[in-house]
Protein backbone atom coordinates (compact mmCIF):
# COMPACT_ATOMS: atom_id res chain seq x y z
CA MET A 1 73.23 -11.81 -240.77
CA SER A 2 74.78 -13.42 -243.40
CA PRO A 3 72.51 -15.18 -245.84
CA LYS A 4 73.62 -19.15 -245.88
CA TYR A 5 74.90 -19.17 -248.76
CA ASP A 6 76.93 -16.88 -251.68
CA LEU A 7 74.96 -18.25 -254.75
CA ILE A 8 71.34 -20.45 -255.53
CA ILE A 9 71.31 -21.25 -259.37
CA LYS A 10 67.35 -21.47 -259.32
CA GLY A 11 65.53 -23.76 -261.23
CA GLY A 12 67.64 -25.21 -264.55
CA THR A 13 67.44 -28.73 -265.84
CA VAL A 14 70.70 -30.60 -264.46
CA VAL A 15 73.09 -32.72 -265.79
CA LEU A 16 73.57 -35.12 -262.64
CA PRO A 17 75.36 -38.05 -262.40
CA ASP A 18 72.85 -40.23 -261.52
CA GLY A 19 70.42 -38.52 -264.48
CA CYS A 20 68.78 -35.08 -265.35
CA LYS A 21 66.22 -33.22 -263.11
CA GLU A 22 65.08 -29.80 -262.27
CA THR A 23 65.91 -28.83 -259.13
CA ASP A 24 68.33 -25.18 -257.20
CA ILE A 25 72.19 -25.56 -256.78
CA ALA A 26 73.53 -23.58 -253.75
CA VAL A 27 77.04 -22.41 -253.28
CA LYS A 28 79.35 -21.39 -251.05
CA ASP A 29 82.97 -20.67 -250.42
CA GLY A 30 83.38 -21.84 -254.46
CA VAL A 31 82.10 -25.44 -252.81
CA ILE A 32 78.42 -26.38 -254.28
CA THR A 33 76.83 -26.48 -251.19
CA ALA A 34 73.23 -28.36 -251.43
CA ILE A 35 71.15 -29.72 -254.16
CA GLY A 36 67.77 -29.62 -254.11
CA THR A 37 65.36 -27.25 -253.34
CA ILE A 38 66.33 -24.11 -252.02
CA PRO A 39 64.51 -20.72 -250.58
CA ASP A 40 65.83 -17.37 -252.23
CA THR A 41 66.37 -15.85 -249.31
CA ASP A 42 68.64 -18.49 -247.97
CA ALA A 43 71.72 -16.50 -250.69
CA GLY A 44 73.42 -13.39 -251.65
CA GLN A 45 72.69 -14.18 -254.79
CA VAL A 46 69.79 -15.76 -257.27
CA TYR A 47 71.00 -16.77 -260.92
CA GLU A 48 67.67 -17.79 -262.30
CA ALA A 49 67.86 -20.59 -264.64
CA ALA A 50 64.77 -22.00 -265.17
CA GLY A 51 64.61 -22.57 -268.76
CA LEU A 52 68.23 -23.93 -269.16
CA THR A 53 70.16 -26.93 -268.66
CA VAL A 54 73.00 -27.15 -266.58
CA MET A 55 76.07 -29.20 -267.25
CA PRO A 56 78.92 -29.68 -265.66
CA GLY A 57 81.43 -26.75 -266.62
CA ALA A 58 83.69 -28.96 -268.88
CA ILE A 59 87.38 -29.48 -268.36
CA ASP A 60 90.03 -29.65 -271.80
CA ILE A 61 92.37 -31.13 -270.95
CA HIS A 62 94.20 -30.55 -274.04
CA VAL A 63 95.22 -26.68 -274.96
CA HIS A 64 98.21 -24.98 -275.96
CA PHE A 65 98.29 -21.18 -274.16
CA ASN A 66 102.10 -20.53 -275.90
CA GLU A 67 103.63 -18.29 -272.62
CA PRO A 68 106.08 -17.74 -271.70
CA GLY A 69 107.45 -16.58 -274.85
CA LEU A 70 105.11 -17.27 -278.11
CA GLY A 71 102.39 -15.43 -276.02
CA SER A 72 101.82 -13.51 -279.87
CA TRP A 73 100.74 -16.95 -280.63
CA GLU A 74 98.45 -17.60 -277.76
CA GLY A 75 98.56 -16.83 -274.14
CA PHE A 76 96.23 -17.64 -270.88
CA ALA A 77 94.77 -14.31 -270.89
CA THR A 78 93.17 -14.78 -274.49
CA GLY A 79 93.14 -18.91 -274.28
CA SER A 80 91.01 -19.13 -271.20
CA ALA A 81 88.55 -16.09 -271.60
CA SER A 82 87.73 -18.13 -275.01
CA LEU A 83 87.39 -21.55 -272.59
CA ALA A 84 84.92 -19.70 -270.28
CA ALA A 85 83.16 -18.29 -273.50
CA GLY A 86 82.47 -22.11 -274.13
CA GLY A 87 81.37 -23.72 -271.23
CA VAL A 88 84.49 -24.56 -270.16
CA THR A 89 86.28 -24.03 -266.17
CA THR A 90 89.41 -25.45 -266.07
CA CYS A 91 92.62 -26.80 -268.66
CA VAL A 92 94.72 -28.49 -268.42
CA ASP A 93 98.05 -26.90 -270.77
CA MET A 94 100.63 -28.76 -272.63
CA PRO A 95 104.34 -28.76 -272.54
CA LEU A 96 105.31 -27.55 -275.63
CA ASN A 97 104.98 -24.44 -278.25
CA GLY A 98 106.13 -22.73 -274.80
CA VAL A 99 109.88 -21.17 -274.48
CA PRO A 100 111.23 -23.31 -272.91
CA PRO A 101 108.57 -26.20 -272.92
CA THR A 102 107.30 -27.31 -269.44
CA VAL A 103 110.19 -30.01 -269.13
CA SER A 104 111.94 -29.40 -266.39
CA ALA A 105 111.20 -27.47 -262.62
CA LYS A 106 111.73 -24.39 -263.77
CA ALA A 107 109.96 -24.06 -266.69
CA PHE A 108 107.06 -25.61 -264.80
CA ASP A 109 107.19 -22.76 -262.66
CA LEU A 110 108.09 -20.00 -264.91
CA LYS A 111 104.35 -21.01 -266.80
CA LEU A 112 102.65 -20.81 -263.66
CA GLU A 113 103.98 -17.21 -262.98
CA HIS A 114 102.47 -16.58 -266.84
CA ALA A 115 99.23 -18.10 -265.49
CA GLU A 116 98.47 -17.28 -262.30
CA SER A 117 97.52 -13.33 -262.92
CA SER A 118 95.56 -13.89 -266.09
CA SER A 119 93.48 -16.64 -266.85
CA TYR A 120 89.70 -16.42 -266.66
CA VAL A 121 89.58 -20.57 -265.44
CA ASP A 122 91.43 -22.66 -263.40
CA TYR A 123 94.01 -24.55 -265.28
CA ALA A 124 96.71 -27.30 -264.53
CA LEU A 125 99.62 -28.43 -266.34
CA TRP A 126 100.73 -31.37 -267.88
CA GLY A 127 105.66 -32.04 -267.94
CA GLY A 128 106.92 -33.68 -271.10
CA LEU A 129 109.23 -36.23 -271.55
CA VAL A 130 111.30 -35.74 -274.14
CA PRO A 131 115.04 -36.96 -274.69
CA GLY A 132 117.27 -35.98 -271.87
CA ASN A 133 114.98 -35.08 -269.41
CA LYS A 134 114.41 -38.07 -267.25
CA ASP A 135 115.77 -37.31 -264.13
CA GLU A 136 113.08 -34.08 -264.06
CA LEU A 137 109.96 -36.20 -263.86
CA ALA A 138 109.88 -36.74 -260.19
CA ALA A 139 110.40 -33.00 -259.94
CA LEU A 140 107.69 -32.28 -262.19
CA ALA A 141 105.18 -34.26 -260.32
CA ALA A 142 105.94 -32.70 -257.04
CA ARG A 143 105.17 -29.48 -258.74
CA GLY A 144 101.17 -30.95 -259.26
CA ALA A 145 102.24 -32.02 -262.88
CA VAL A 146 98.86 -33.92 -263.76
CA GLY A 147 101.06 -36.26 -266.22
CA PHE A 148 103.41 -36.14 -268.99
CA LYS A 149 103.43 -35.21 -272.84
CA ALA A 150 105.77 -36.85 -275.61
CA PHE A 151 105.65 -37.05 -279.21
CA MET A 152 106.21 -40.12 -281.08
CA SER A 153 106.41 -37.87 -284.33
CA GLU A 154 108.37 -34.81 -284.36
CA PRO A 155 105.63 -32.27 -283.03
CA GLY A 156 107.52 -28.91 -285.00
CA GLY A 157 108.08 -25.75 -283.22
CA GLU A 158 109.60 -22.60 -283.33
CA GLY A 159 113.91 -21.12 -281.78
CA GLU A 160 116.39 -23.40 -280.73
CA ASP A 161 114.63 -24.72 -277.43
CA ILE A 162 111.86 -26.54 -278.50
CA PHE A 163 110.22 -29.47 -277.95
CA THR A 164 111.43 -32.73 -279.54
CA ARG A 165 110.68 -36.37 -280.75
CA ALA A 166 110.97 -38.93 -277.27
CA ASP A 167 112.83 -41.67 -279.99
CA ASP A 168 111.69 -45.64 -278.63
CA LEU A 169 114.34 -45.75 -275.98
CA THR A 170 113.47 -42.58 -274.28
CA LEU A 171 110.21 -43.76 -274.40
CA LEU A 172 110.32 -46.70 -273.17
CA GLU A 173 112.82 -45.61 -270.00
CA GLY A 174 110.61 -42.69 -269.84
CA MET A 175 107.64 -44.74 -269.46
CA ARG A 176 110.04 -47.19 -266.63
CA GLU A 177 110.16 -43.93 -264.47
CA ILE A 178 106.61 -42.77 -265.25
CA ALA A 179 104.91 -45.88 -263.73
CA GLY A 180 107.50 -45.78 -260.79
CA LEU A 181 105.73 -42.02 -259.79
CA GLY A 182 102.51 -43.32 -260.67
CA GLY A 183 101.90 -41.31 -263.25
CA LEU A 184 100.20 -40.94 -266.39
CA LEU A 185 102.06 -40.31 -269.71
CA ALA A 186 100.01 -38.86 -272.75
CA LEU A 187 101.21 -39.70 -276.43
CA HIS A 188 100.57 -37.96 -279.72
CA ALA A 189 100.83 -41.53 -281.56
CA GLU A 190 102.06 -40.79 -284.85
CA SER A 191 104.97 -43.11 -286.55
CA ASP A 192 107.68 -40.81 -287.69
CA ALA A 193 109.50 -43.17 -289.86
CA ILE A 194 105.86 -43.09 -292.22
CA THR A 195 104.99 -40.02 -291.68
CA GLN A 196 108.36 -38.63 -292.73
CA GLU A 197 108.79 -40.61 -295.54
CA MET A 198 105.61 -41.08 -297.03
CA ALA A 199 106.17 -36.76 -296.69
CA ALA A 200 109.14 -36.77 -298.21
CA ARG A 201 107.89 -38.87 -301.24
CA LEU A 202 105.23 -36.57 -301.82
CA ARG A 203 106.91 -33.01 -302.30
CA SER A 204 109.81 -34.71 -304.17
CA GLN A 205 107.08 -35.40 -306.96
CA GLY A 206 105.63 -32.04 -306.31
CA SER A 207 102.47 -32.86 -304.52
CA ILE A 208 101.93 -30.40 -301.52
CA ASP A 209 98.49 -29.30 -301.56
CA MET A 210 96.10 -30.31 -298.61
CA ARG A 211 95.17 -33.71 -300.02
CA ALA A 212 99.04 -34.68 -300.74
CA TYR A 213 99.23 -33.58 -296.51
CA LEU A 214 96.66 -35.40 -295.78
CA ALA A 215 97.53 -38.95 -297.81
CA SER A 216 101.46 -38.51 -295.87
CA ARG A 217 99.34 -38.66 -292.54
CA PRO A 218 97.38 -42.21 -293.11
CA VAL A 219 96.05 -44.07 -290.64
CA ILE A 220 98.58 -47.21 -290.07
CA ALA A 221 100.88 -44.39 -289.45
CA GLU A 222 98.64 -43.85 -285.72
CA VAL A 223 98.01 -47.96 -285.91
CA GLU A 224 101.45 -48.81 -285.93
CA ALA A 225 102.27 -45.96 -283.25
CA VAL A 226 99.58 -47.18 -280.94
CA ASN A 227 100.32 -51.02 -280.75
CA ARG A 228 104.09 -49.69 -280.15
CA ALA A 229 103.12 -47.14 -276.74
CA LEU A 230 100.56 -50.66 -275.75
CA LEU A 231 103.77 -52.58 -276.31
CA TYR A 232 105.82 -50.58 -274.21
CA ALA A 233 102.94 -50.40 -271.55
CA ARG A 234 102.54 -54.25 -271.22
CA GLN A 235 106.68 -54.16 -270.65
CA THR A 236 107.24 -51.37 -268.11
CA GLY A 237 102.84 -50.85 -266.15
CA CYS A 238 103.14 -47.22 -267.45
CA ALA A 239 99.13 -46.04 -267.66
CA LEU A 240 98.49 -44.90 -271.23
CA HIS A 241 96.04 -41.80 -272.58
CA PHE A 242 96.61 -41.60 -276.36
CA VAL A 243 95.60 -37.58 -277.02
CA HIS A 244 93.29 -36.59 -280.41
CA ILE A 245 92.85 -40.44 -281.52
CA SER A 246 91.67 -40.30 -285.24
CA SER A 247 90.33 -43.45 -286.39
CA VAL A 248 88.38 -46.30 -285.80
CA GLN A 249 91.02 -48.49 -286.05
CA ALA A 250 93.38 -47.12 -283.59
CA LEU A 251 90.17 -47.34 -281.15
CA GLU A 252 89.78 -50.75 -282.08
CA LEU A 253 93.24 -51.19 -280.44
CA ILE A 254 92.78 -49.62 -277.46
CA ASP A 255 89.53 -51.54 -276.27
CA ALA A 256 91.42 -54.68 -276.74
CA ALA A 257 94.02 -53.41 -274.74
CA LYS A 258 91.32 -52.15 -272.25
CA ALA A 259 89.85 -55.83 -271.78
CA GLU A 260 93.43 -57.46 -271.71
CA GLY A 261 93.35 -55.09 -268.17
CA LEU A 262 96.05 -52.40 -269.57
CA ASP A 263 95.55 -48.58 -267.56
CA VAL A 264 95.04 -47.10 -270.94
CA THR A 265 92.46 -44.15 -272.32
CA ALA A 266 91.37 -42.84 -275.39
CA GLU A 267 90.35 -38.85 -276.19
CA THR A 268 89.21 -37.74 -279.52
CA CYS A 269 88.47 -34.15 -280.38
CA PRO A 270 85.00 -32.66 -282.14
CA HIS A 271 87.22 -32.08 -285.34
CA TYR A 272 87.07 -35.45 -285.74
CA LEU A 273 83.47 -36.02 -285.22
CA SER A 274 82.22 -33.13 -287.16
CA LEU A 275 84.59 -32.68 -290.16
CA THR A 276 86.22 -35.04 -292.69
CA ASP A 277 88.82 -34.71 -295.31
CA GLU A 278 86.70 -33.52 -297.87
CA ASP A 279 86.06 -30.99 -295.31
CA ALA A 280 89.84 -30.44 -295.02
CA VAL A 281 90.55 -29.63 -298.76
CA CYS A 282 87.41 -27.25 -298.93
CA ILE A 283 88.38 -24.72 -295.34
CA GLY A 284 91.82 -25.13 -296.17
CA ALA A 285 94.84 -24.41 -293.92
CA VAL A 286 93.10 -23.40 -290.80
CA ALA A 287 91.50 -27.09 -290.98
CA LYS A 288 95.09 -28.77 -290.87
CA CYS A 289 95.84 -31.05 -287.99
CA ALA A 290 97.97 -34.21 -287.14
CA PRO A 291 96.92 -36.26 -287.37
CA PRO A 292 94.39 -35.39 -290.14
CA LEU A 293 90.63 -35.02 -290.19
CA ARG A 294 89.45 -38.37 -291.54
CA ASP A 295 86.39 -39.72 -294.19
CA ARG A 296 83.16 -39.74 -293.06
CA ASP A 297 82.55 -43.50 -293.15
CA ASN A 298 85.69 -42.90 -290.05
CA ARG A 299 83.73 -40.15 -288.42
CA GLU A 300 80.50 -41.82 -288.42
CA GLY A 301 82.51 -44.78 -287.03
CA MET A 302 84.01 -42.45 -284.76
CA TRP A 303 80.18 -41.87 -283.44
CA GLU A 304 79.38 -45.34 -282.73
CA ALA A 305 82.58 -45.70 -281.13
CA PHE A 306 81.76 -42.46 -278.26
CA ARG A 307 77.81 -44.01 -277.49
CA ARG A 308 79.75 -47.52 -276.73
CA GLY A 309 82.24 -45.97 -274.16
CA SER A 310 85.40 -46.44 -275.62
CA ILE A 311 86.05 -43.03 -276.76
CA ASP A 312 86.84 -41.90 -272.84
CA ILE A 313 87.66 -38.01 -273.51
CA ILE A 314 86.66 -35.24 -275.69
CA ALA A 315 89.57 -32.18 -276.17
CA SER A 316 89.88 -29.51 -278.12
CA ASP A 317 93.39 -29.63 -278.69
CA HIS A 318 93.47 -25.84 -279.24
CA SER A 319 96.77 -25.56 -281.22
CA PRO A 320 96.99 -21.92 -282.33
CA CYS A 321 99.38 -19.99 -284.70
CA PRO A 322 99.54 -16.10 -286.14
CA PRO A 323 97.71 -15.84 -289.22
CA GLU A 324 100.87 -15.54 -291.03
CA MET A 325 101.39 -19.46 -290.55
CA LYS A 326 99.04 -20.28 -292.34
CA LEU A 327 99.84 -19.04 -295.70
CA SER A 328 101.27 -20.79 -298.27
CA ASP A 329 101.00 -22.88 -301.09
CA ASN A 330 102.47 -25.88 -299.31
CA TYR A 331 100.49 -27.32 -296.99
CA PHE A 332 103.59 -29.29 -295.65
CA GLU A 333 105.24 -25.81 -294.45
CA ILE A 334 101.87 -24.79 -293.10
CA TRP A 335 101.67 -24.95 -289.53
CA GLY A 336 99.28 -27.80 -288.46
CA GLY A 337 96.81 -26.73 -285.31
CA ILE A 338 93.41 -25.95 -284.81
CA SER A 339 91.84 -23.49 -282.87
CA GLY A 340 88.56 -24.65 -281.21
CA ALA A 341 88.88 -24.43 -277.90
CA GLN A 342 85.49 -21.78 -277.69
CA SER A 343 83.51 -24.51 -279.54
CA THR A 344 84.14 -27.97 -278.08
CA LEU A 345 81.43 -28.21 -275.51
CA ASN A 346 78.78 -26.71 -278.86
CA MET A 347 79.75 -28.75 -281.08
CA MET A 348 79.33 -31.71 -278.73
CA ILE A 349 76.19 -30.52 -277.78
CA GLU A 350 74.95 -30.22 -281.49
CA GLU A 351 76.77 -32.65 -283.18
CA GLY A 352 75.82 -35.64 -280.86
CA TYR A 353 72.98 -34.39 -278.84
CA ILE A 354 71.01 -32.24 -281.06
CA LYS A 355 71.87 -34.37 -284.30
CA ARG A 356 72.67 -37.90 -282.98
CA GLY A 357 70.75 -38.03 -279.38
CA VAL A 358 72.96 -39.05 -277.45
CA ASP A 359 72.49 -37.94 -273.81
CA LEU A 360 73.83 -35.04 -272.29
CA GLN A 361 75.26 -37.27 -269.09
CA ARG A 362 77.52 -38.90 -271.93
CA ILE A 363 78.55 -36.07 -273.38
CA ALA A 364 79.15 -34.78 -269.35
CA GLU A 365 81.34 -37.59 -268.82
CA ALA A 366 83.30 -37.16 -271.73
CA THR A 367 84.25 -33.52 -271.20
CA ALA A 368 84.05 -33.41 -267.25
CA ALA A 369 84.13 -36.38 -264.97
CA THR A 370 86.44 -38.79 -267.33
CA PRO A 371 88.84 -35.76 -267.83
CA ALA A 372 88.49 -35.06 -264.17
CA ARG A 373 89.52 -38.51 -263.07
CA ARG A 374 92.33 -38.99 -265.68
CA THR A 375 94.09 -36.75 -264.69
CA GLY A 376 93.78 -35.97 -260.50
CA LEU A 377 91.57 -33.49 -260.60
CA ALA A 378 88.80 -35.30 -259.84
CA TYR A 379 88.55 -34.89 -255.58
CA ARG A 380 87.10 -31.34 -256.39
CA LYS A 381 86.36 -31.09 -260.24
CA GLY A 382 84.14 -32.96 -262.91
CA SER A 383 80.45 -33.49 -261.90
CA ILE A 384 77.90 -31.52 -259.79
CA GLU A 385 78.14 -32.83 -256.39
CA VAL A 386 78.09 -31.46 -253.32
CA GLY A 387 81.43 -30.98 -251.96
CA LYS A 388 82.60 -30.11 -255.51
CA ASP A 389 84.04 -27.05 -256.89
CA ALA A 390 80.70 -24.98 -258.39
CA ASP A 391 81.69 -25.26 -262.10
CA PHE A 392 78.80 -25.08 -263.72
CA ALA A 393 78.00 -24.37 -267.93
CA LEU A 394 74.22 -23.43 -268.53
CA ILE A 395 73.13 -24.10 -271.83
CA ASP A 396 70.02 -22.26 -273.57
CA PHE A 397 68.39 -24.55 -276.45
CA SER A 398 66.01 -21.62 -277.39
CA SER A 399 68.82 -19.66 -278.79
CA GLY A 400 70.99 -20.85 -281.28
CA PHE A 401 73.93 -18.21 -283.05
CA VAL A 402 76.35 -18.85 -286.47
CA LEU A 403 79.71 -18.37 -285.59
CA GLN A 404 81.36 -15.32 -286.88
CA PRO A 405 84.81 -14.63 -286.22
CA GLU A 406 84.01 -11.35 -284.16
CA ASN A 407 82.56 -14.73 -281.93
CA LEU A 408 85.31 -16.14 -281.03
CA LEU A 409 87.75 -14.68 -278.22
CA TYR A 410 91.49 -16.26 -279.54
CA ARG A 411 94.08 -14.11 -279.79
CA HIS A 412 93.98 -14.49 -283.71
CA LYS A 413 90.41 -15.58 -284.75
CA GLN A 414 90.74 -18.23 -286.66
CA SER A 415 88.62 -21.09 -286.53
CA PRO A 416 87.46 -24.31 -289.49
CA TYR A 417 83.76 -24.06 -287.30
CA ILE A 418 82.98 -20.56 -288.11
CA GLY A 419 79.88 -20.45 -289.92
CA TYR A 420 78.77 -23.25 -288.83
CA ALA A 421 75.01 -22.49 -287.20
CA PHE A 422 74.41 -23.46 -283.55
CA SER A 423 70.34 -24.07 -282.46
CA HIS A 424 71.72 -23.48 -279.23
CA SER A 425 74.19 -21.50 -276.88
CA ILE A 426 76.38 -21.36 -273.62
CA ALA A 427 73.84 -18.58 -271.54
CA ALA A 428 76.49 -18.39 -268.91
CA THR A 429 79.95 -20.22 -267.02
CA PHE A 430 80.63 -20.18 -263.72
CA CYS A 431 84.36 -21.27 -262.12
CA ARG A 432 83.95 -21.96 -258.41
CA GLY A 433 80.45 -19.88 -258.16
CA HIS A 434 81.95 -16.86 -259.72
CA GLN A 435 80.07 -16.50 -262.90
CA VAL A 436 82.89 -15.57 -265.88
CA TYR A 437 81.09 -15.77 -268.77
CA GLU A 438 77.13 -14.30 -269.95
CA HIS A 439 76.05 -14.08 -273.81
CA GLY A 440 75.44 -11.02 -274.76
CA THR A 441 77.92 -9.77 -272.21
CA GLY A 442 81.20 -11.16 -272.10
CA VAL A 443 84.02 -12.47 -270.41
CA ALA A 444 85.09 -10.95 -267.29
CA GLN A 445 87.19 -12.06 -263.95
CA ALA A 446 84.82 -11.79 -261.25
CA GLN A 447 85.32 -9.47 -258.03
CA GLY A 448 87.35 -12.07 -256.10
CA CYS A 449 87.86 -14.45 -258.06
CA LYS A 450 90.54 -15.55 -260.89
CA GLY A 451 91.89 -18.63 -261.96
CA ILE A 452 93.80 -20.60 -259.27
CA PHE A 453 96.14 -23.75 -260.41
CA ILE A 454 94.78 -27.18 -259.40
CA PRO A 455 97.55 -29.70 -258.71
CA GLY A 456 97.01 -33.25 -259.81
CA LYS A 457 96.49 -35.81 -257.45
CA GLN A 458 99.68 -37.68 -258.11
CA SER A 459 101.42 -34.57 -256.34
CA GLY A 460 100.31 -35.44 -252.78
CA VAL A 461 98.56 -31.96 -252.80
CA TYR A 462 95.09 -33.08 -252.44
CA GLU A 463 93.65 -30.84 -249.57
CA ARG A 464 91.13 -27.64 -250.80
CA GLY A 465 93.24 -24.99 -250.34
CA THR A 466 96.68 -26.36 -249.95
CA ALA A 467 98.83 -23.97 -251.22
CA TYR A 468 101.19 -25.09 -254.44
CA ALA A 469 104.60 -25.81 -253.61
């Protein structure tokens, strides 16, 4: 007689939507089937979680796994392995940096081919909005894209087939089209006019160090772009998600828009909550990002915004590159991107829960529940509830570590967090009831389990087990 359940997570302190309590979780066919006191004899496998905290597997909705074409930067195999080691069980890949970028149905299909055989965790995809691809948006939505990404400043890239900035007309017309599809637009909001002109001025003066780069992308560039995008949202009715917001001032604008009734959310990244502009100068090239790191007062203001709910989502903006692209005395030429996906949950727990007393439910909400809802994945992801996928990050608060390059599973072992001392660790990660990571052992694709594509809800593909088409 086969056991009633495939797996029981036994005796952990479980972070549930309505509170934290010590309980058991039963899993059958990859789905949470029961929560409560469950006899060991009812399962084929029991994972002893006494002394551990069980959080919902994190959902990182902002990663750059650069296949096809640029797998030498980071691909699904190494990128997803690092996510699993960091307690992340689902990721949403951004449309730029691949060759071709994910701005057409054909490119979307090609991206899925690369992810299908190599991802350790489940995945979804963003489509892109660029000049000239408005007629592709409906096909991307039909394939299950969770939404569309656009840049208000030039993103940069390699080769001829690159993802380009959405000019104002592209943005306005694209937002009308996306609103008609019932979709979501994710925006990198920095004024191209301000950032380009300030960079040109500084470079002409011979100022090319990190401080010059920081000065070239001031807070006002973010605030202006956010304000302009909100104006277009009022005109078009398009739902907006602002990625990697770096300033309190921009969040104040977004808060006012929410109060006005606009459908808008704000994301930030652990590096804006843990590092400052002075850290950027000290650490150097691996801490270059756009928008850049801000000052200490802004960082603490961002934490206050997180506490009050102004920040909806935490994501890594994992933007890797080969090490040689971080080598130059000219900081305007260095690739701008932080590799941080493996450390997102660790940083939120350490900087938020341990250092600042932010409760674990708030962290779980921002790293799992809200990301799932906003990207149309909540029909199976984002919380520890009966009927949801059995995605768990098990936290050990008795076992700390100092992050070293050899701990990183990225293709290129770069991170601004190297040397950071954590007082806790990720003990294990489960994706749909299959263990994909164990502390001290590493990452492995569980037998019979590999990461699968999870379509966004706007595609009309809602039912569990329904194949992508």
